[in-house]
Amino acid sequence: MSPAEFDKLVERAMKAIPPRFRRRLKNVAFIVEPEPPSPHLLGLYQGHPLPHRSVSDSFTLPDRITIFQGPHERLARDRRHLQRLLEDTVWHEVAHYFGMNEAQVRRAERQRRRPERI
């Protein structure tokens, strides 16, 4: 898949984030790279999580959420599965932005995947 096509899928994944969270994403750049710096990474959050910021943090470089194209394409069974993987990865990295550590993100992912009980 071309980088431009992949970028469009990442944009769709970003739009899948509920507006109440999207509105709070400030000073964060989403970037797509072909491959990760180490194996087994689908995405990477680099920055200063939102709960740890203060008013004295003004004029800082944007946080970065990097999505890696190669690993996603290798894992995906088809285009629909690729979109789902991207949505999961974007959510995962955005959770880090909001201050969740890896264990908290994993718990939240399990809860999000559970079927709703009525």
C-alpha atoms as a PDB file:
ATOM      1  CA  MET A   1       0.000   0.000   0.000  1.00  0.00           C
ATOM      2  CA  SER A   2       1.285   3.444  -0.789  1.00  0.00           C
ATOM      3  CA  PRO A   3       2.212   5.769   2.065  1.00  0.00           C
ATOM      4  CA  ALA A   4      -0.551   8.177   0.985  1.00  0.00           C
ATOM      5  CA  GLU A   5      -3.199   5.432   1.194  1.00  0.00           C
ATOM      6  CA  PHE A   6      -1.912   4.377   4.602  1.00  0.00           C
ATOM      7  CA  ASP A   7      -1.991   8.009   5.801  1.00  0.00           C
ATOM      8  CA  LYS A   8      -5.686   8.163   4.881  1.00  0.00           C
ATOM      9  CA  LEU A   9      -6.379   5.061   6.956  1.00  0.00           C
ATOM     10  CA  VAL A  10      -4.544   6.612   9.906  1.00  0.00           C
ATOM     11  CA  GLU A  11      -6.644   9.773   9.508  1.00  0.00           C
ATOM     12  CA  ARG A  12      -9.796   7.615   9.602  1.00  0.00           C
ATOM     13  CA  ALA A  13      -8.500   5.950  12.769  1.00  0.00           C
ATOM     14  CA  MET A  14      -7.928   9.371  14.329  1.00  0.00           C
ATOM     15  CA  LYS A  15     -11.496  10.393  13.469  1.00  0.00           C
ATOM     16  CA  ALA A  16     -12.750   7.263  15.260  1.00  0.00           C
ATOM     17  CA  ILE A  17     -11.594   8.760  18.554  1.00  0.00           C
ATOM     18  CA  PRO A  18     -14.685  10.181  20.260  1.00  0.00           C
ATOM     19  CA  PRO A  19     -14.932  13.979  19.963  1.00  0.00           C
ATOM     20  CA  ARG A  20     -14.727  14.479  23.755  1.00  0.00           C
ATOM     21  CA  PHE A  21     -11.183  13.072  23.617  1.00  0.00           C
ATOM     22  CA  ARG A  22     -10.189  14.552  20.240  1.00  0.00           C
ATOM     23  CA  ARG A  23     -11.004  18.043  21.531  1.00  0.00           C
ATOM     24  CA  ARG A  24      -8.479  17.584  24.342  1.00  0.00           C
ATOM     25  CA  LEU A  25      -5.613  16.576  22.051  1.00  0.00           C
ATOM     26  CA  LYS A  26      -3.414  19.657  22.103  1.00  0.00           C
ATOM     27  CA  ASN A  27       0.154  20.103  20.928  1.00  0.00           C
ATOM     28  CA  VAL A  28       0.437  16.546  19.612  1.00  0.00           C
ATOM     29  CA  ALA A  29       1.590  15.526  16.136  1.00  0.00           C
ATOM     30  CA  PHE A  30       0.577  12.268  14.471  1.00  0.00           C
ATOM     31  CA  ILE A  31       3.339  10.897  12.279  1.00  0.00           C
ATOM     32  CA  VAL A  32       3.573   7.819  10.067  1.00  0.00           C
ATOM     33  CA  GLU A  33       6.912   6.047   9.656  1.00  0.00           C
ATOM     34  CA  PRO A  34       7.618   2.976   7.529  1.00  0.00           C
ATOM     35  CA  GLU A  35       9.242   0.863  10.286  1.00  0.00           C
ATOM     36  CA  PRO A  36       9.715   1.039  14.049  1.00  0.00           C
ATOM     37  CA  PRO A  37      13.083   1.504  15.767  1.00  0.00           C
ATOM     38  CA  SER A  38      12.624  -1.843  17.528  1.00  0.00           C
ATOM     39  CA  PRO A  39      10.626  -4.950  16.644  1.00  0.00           C
ATOM     40  CA  HIS A  40       7.047  -5.502  17.763  1.00  0.00           C
ATOM     41  CA  LEU A  41       6.098  -1.810  17.925  1.00  0.00           C
ATOM     42  CA  LEU A  42       2.954  -0.701  16.122  1.00  0.00           C
ATOM     43  CA  GLY A  43       2.966   2.810  17.537  1.00  0.00           C
ATOM     44  CA  LEU A  44       4.932   5.015  19.875  1.00  0.00           C
ATOM     45  CA  TYR A  45       3.974   7.948  22.093  1.00  0.00           C
ATOM     46  CA  GLN A  46       6.763  10.400  22.860  1.00  0.00           C
ATOM     47  CA  GLY A  47       6.080  13.404  24.983  1.00  0.00           C
ATOM     48  CA  HIS A  48       4.859  14.784  28.252  1.00  0.00           C
ATOM     49  CA  PRO A  49       1.498  13.192  29.225  1.00  0.00           C
ATOM     50  CA  LEU A  50      -1.369  15.606  29.716  1.00  0.00           C
ATOM     51  CA  PRO A  51      -1.830  15.068  33.503  1.00  0.00           C
ATOM     52  CA  HIS A  52       1.835  15.954  34.087  1.00  0.00           C
ATOM     53  CA  ARG A  53       1.720  19.295  32.274  1.00  0.00           C
ATOM     54  CA  SER A  54       1.623  22.677  33.913  1.00  0.00           C
ATOM     55  CA  VAL A  55       1.207  26.265  32.834  1.00  0.00           C
ATOM     56  CA  SER A  56       4.995  26.611  32.845  1.00  0.00           C
ATOM     57  CA  ASP A  57       5.148  24.090  29.972  1.00  0.00           C
ATOM     58  CA  SER A  58       4.234  26.670  27.340  1.00  0.00           C
ATOM     59  CA  PHE A  59       6.226  26.910  24.125  1.00  0.00           C
ATOM     60  CA  THR A  60       7.242  23.259  24.045  1.00  0.00           C
ATOM     61  CA  LEU A  61       7.622  21.097  20.988  1.00  0.00           C
ATOM     62  CA  PRO A  62       4.576  18.948  20.203  1.00  0.00           C
ATOM     63  CA  ASP A  63       4.256  15.472  21.612  1.00  0.00           C
ATOM     64  CA  ARG A  64       4.542  12.788  18.924  1.00  0.00           C
ATOM     65  CA  ILE A  65       2.383   9.788  18.217  1.00  0.00           C
ATOM     66  CA  THR A  66       4.106   7.698  15.580  1.00  0.00           C
ATOM     67  CA  ILE A  67       2.272   4.943  13.726  1.00  0.00           C
ATOM     68  CA  PHE A  68       4.423   2.367  11.933  1.00  0.00           C
ATOM     69  CA  GLN A  69       3.138   1.223   8.556  1.00  0.00           C
ATOM     70  CA  GLY A  70       5.177  -1.946   7.988  1.00  0.00           C
ATOM     71  CA  PRO A  71       4.140  -3.907  11.097  1.00  0.00           C
ATOM     72  CA  HIS A  72       0.481  -3.019  10.582  1.00  0.00           C
ATOM     73  CA  GLU A  73       0.514  -4.244   7.009  1.00  0.00           C
ATOM     74  CA  ARG A  74       2.270  -7.477   7.970  1.00  0.00           C
ATOM     75  CA  LEU A  75      -0.266  -8.206  10.720  1.00  0.00           C
ATOM     76  CA  ALA A  76      -3.396  -7.305   8.780  1.00  0.00           C
ATOM     77  CA  ARG A  77      -5.414 -10.068   7.131  1.00  0.00           C
ATOM     78  CA  ASP A  78      -7.216  -7.589   4.872  1.00  0.00           C
ATOM     79  CA  ARG A  79      -7.992  -3.893   4.573  1.00  0.00           C
ATOM     80  CA  ARG A  80     -10.827  -4.027   7.128  1.00  0.00           C
ATOM     81  CA  HIS A  81      -8.553  -5.731   9.657  1.00  0.00           C
ATOM     82  CA  LEU A  82      -5.853  -3.139   8.925  1.00  0.00           C
ATOM     83  CA  GLN A  83      -8.306  -0.345   9.737  1.00  0.00           C
ATOM     84  CA  ARG A  84      -9.224  -2.039  13.022  1.00  0.00           C
ATOM     85  CA  LEU A  85      -5.550  -2.494  13.936  1.00  0.00           C
ATOM     86  CA  LEU A  86      -4.912   1.188  13.231  1.00  0.00           C
ATOM     87  CA  GLU A  87      -7.880   2.259  15.344  1.00  0.00           C
ATOM     88  CA  ASP A  88      -6.614   0.114  18.217  1.00  0.00           C
ATOM     89  CA  THR A  89      -3.075   1.483  17.897  1.00  0.00           C
ATOM     90  CA  VAL A  90      -4.195   5.110  17.713  1.00  0.00           C
ATOM     91  CA  TRP A  91      -6.409   4.594  20.798  1.00  0.00           C
ATOM     92  CA  HIS A  92      -3.497   2.936  22.610  1.00  0.00           C
ATOM     93  CA  GLU A  93      -1.090   5.798  21.954  1.00  0.00           C
ATOM     94  CA  VAL A  94      -3.701   8.468  22.728  1.00  0.00           C
ATOM     95  CA  ALA A  95      -4.273   6.748  26.088  1.00  0.00           C
ATOM     96  CA  HIS A  96      -0.575   7.269  26.844  1.00  0.00           C
ATOM     97  CA  TYR A  97      -1.004  10.943  25.953  1.00  0.00           C
ATOM     98  CA  PHE A  98      -3.775  11.120  28.560  1.00  0.00           C
ATOM     99  CA  GLY A  99      -1.403   9.716  31.167  1.00  0.00           C
ATOM    100  CA  MET A 100      -2.158   6.012  31.246  1.00  0.00           C
ATOM    101  CA  ASN A 101       0.758   3.638  31.759  1.00  0.00           C
ATOM    102  CA  GLU A 102       1.079   0.401  29.784  1.00  0.00           C
ATOM    103  CA  ALA A 103      -0.785  -1.747  32.354  1.00  0.00           C
ATOM    104  CA  GLN A 104      -3.661   0.752  32.528  1.00  0.00           C
ATOM    105  CA  VAL A 105      -3.877   0.931  28.732  1.00  0.00           C
ATOM    106  CA  ARG A 106      -3.985  -2.874  28.456  1.00  0.00           C
ATOM    107  CA  ARG A 107      -6.791  -3.081  31.064  1.00  0.00           C
ATOM    108  CA  ALA A 108      -8.764  -0.385  29.264  1.00  0.00           C
ATOM    109  CA  GLU A 109      -8.299  -2.215  25.951  1.00  0.00           C
ATOM    110  CA  ARG A 110      -9.657  -5.445  27.433  1.00  0.00           C
ATOM    111  CA  GLN A 111     -12.690  -3.596  28.805  1.00  0.00           C
ATOM    112  CA  ARG A 112     -13.294  -1.846  25.490  1.00  0.00           C
ATOM    113  CA  ARG A 113     -13.272  -5.176  23.646  1.00  0.00           C
ATOM    114  CA  ARG A 114     -15.736  -6.887  26.014  1.00  0.00           C
ATOM    115  CA  PRO A 115     -19.222  -7.238  24.620  1.00  0.00           C
ATOM    116  CA  GLU A 116     -21.683  -4.953  26.344  1.00  0.00           C
ATOM    117  CA  ARG A 117     -24.054  -6.678  28.706  1.00  0.00           C
ATOM    118  CA  ILE A 118     -27.616  -5.483  28.906  1.00  0.00           C
END
